[in-house]
Protein backbone atom coordinates (compact mmCIF):
# COMPACT_ATOMS: atom_id res chain seq x y z
CA MET A 1 -0.01 0.11 -0.16
CA ASN A 2 1.25 3.41 -0.70
CA GLN A 3 2.45 5.49 2.04
CA TYR A 4 0.13 8.48 1.35
CA TYR A 5 -2.90 6.06 1.85
CA ILE A 6 -1.61 4.64 5.07
CA TYR A 7 -1.06 8.25 6.49
CA ARG A 8 -4.73 9.15 5.26
CA LEU A 9 -5.89 6.17 7.00
CA GLU A 10 -4.30 6.82 10.35
CA HIS A 11 -5.01 10.65 10.19
CA GLY A 12 -8.30 11.00 8.46
CA LEU A 13 -9.36 14.12 6.50
CA SER A 14 -8.45 17.64 7.10
CA ALA A 15 -10.98 20.01 8.17
CA ALA A 16 -11.47 21.39 4.73
CA GLU A 17 -11.74 17.86 3.22
CA GLN A 18 -14.31 16.83 5.85
CA ARG A 19 -16.42 20.01 5.35
CA ALA A 20 -16.25 19.14 1.35
CA ALA A 21 -17.45 15.63 2.05
CA ASP A 22 -20.09 16.85 4.23
CA GLN A 23 -21.25 19.31 1.74
CA ARG A 24 -21.37 16.53 -1.00
CA ILE A 25 -23.48 14.18 1.21
CA GLY A 26 -25.69 16.96 1.92
CA GLU A 27 -26.14 17.57 -1.77
CA LEU A 28 -26.60 13.77 -2.33
CA ALA A 29 -29.38 13.51 0.60
CA GLU A 30 -31.24 16.71 -1.01
CA ALA A 31 -31.12 15.08 -4.50
CA LEU A 32 -32.53 11.85 -3.04
CA ALA A 33 -35.19 13.43 -1.19
CA ASP A 34 -36.38 15.39 -4.35
CA VAL A 35 -36.41 12.05 -6.35
CA ARG A 36 -38.34 10.40 -3.46
CA SER A 37 -40.89 13.42 -3.50
CA ALA A 38 -41.29 13.16 -7.24
CA VAL A 39 -41.90 9.40 -7.34
CA ALA A 40 -44.39 9.78 -4.54
CA HIS A 41 -46.23 12.41 -6.31
CA SER A 42 -46.33 10.53 -9.50
CA LEU A 43 -47.66 7.39 -7.63
CA ARG A 44 -50.28 9.50 -6.02
CA ARG A 45 -51.58 10.88 -9.12
CA ARG A 46 -51.64 7.68 -10.88
CA LEU A 47 -53.50 6.09 -8.02
CA GLY A 48 -56.06 8.96 -8.22
CA VAL A 49 -56.69 8.49 -12.09
CA LEU A 50 -57.23 4.82 -11.08
CA LYS A 51 -59.70 5.60 -8.36
CA ALA A 52 -61.53 7.99 -10.77
CA LEU A 53 -61.85 5.42 -13.57
CA GLY A 54 -63.17 2.99 -10.89
CA ARG A 55 -65.72 5.28 -9.73
CA ALA A 56 -66.85 6.41 -13.22
CA ASP A 57 -67.32 2.41 -14.11
CA ARG A 58 -69.25 2.08 -10.77
CA THR A 59 -71.35 5.08 -11.50
CA ARG A 60 -72.28 3.71 -15.10
CA LYS A 61 -73.22 0.44 -13.60
CA GLU A 62 -75.56 2.10 -10.93
CA ALA A 63 -77.03 4.34 -13.60
CA GLY A 64 -77.65 1.18 -15.99
CA VAL A 65 -79.41 -0.81 -12.91
CA ALA A 66 -81.51 2.42 -11.98
CA ALA A 67 -82.61 2.81 -15.60
CA ALA A 68 -83.49 -0.76 -15.60
CA ALA A 69 -85.47 -0.36 -12.49
CA LEU A 70 -87.35 2.76 -13.95
CA ALA A 71 -88.08 0.85 -17.18
CA GLY A 72 -89.80 -1.72 -14.95
CA HIS A 73 -87.40 -4.82 -15.93
């Protein structure tokens, strides 16, 4: 192993390097939160569309039953 890497393992990061690493991790966490939010929003919209389709289908069936009852069938 290279002497530089051994030194780095023993002594860790400098304060500036640690701040830069913390900044990168914060940016990554923010990006992941944005992706998670976008995916959740997309799923909620799609679920809403599916629910609306189910309600429309159920309403049509109920209207057909009511029309048949009014017609005396």
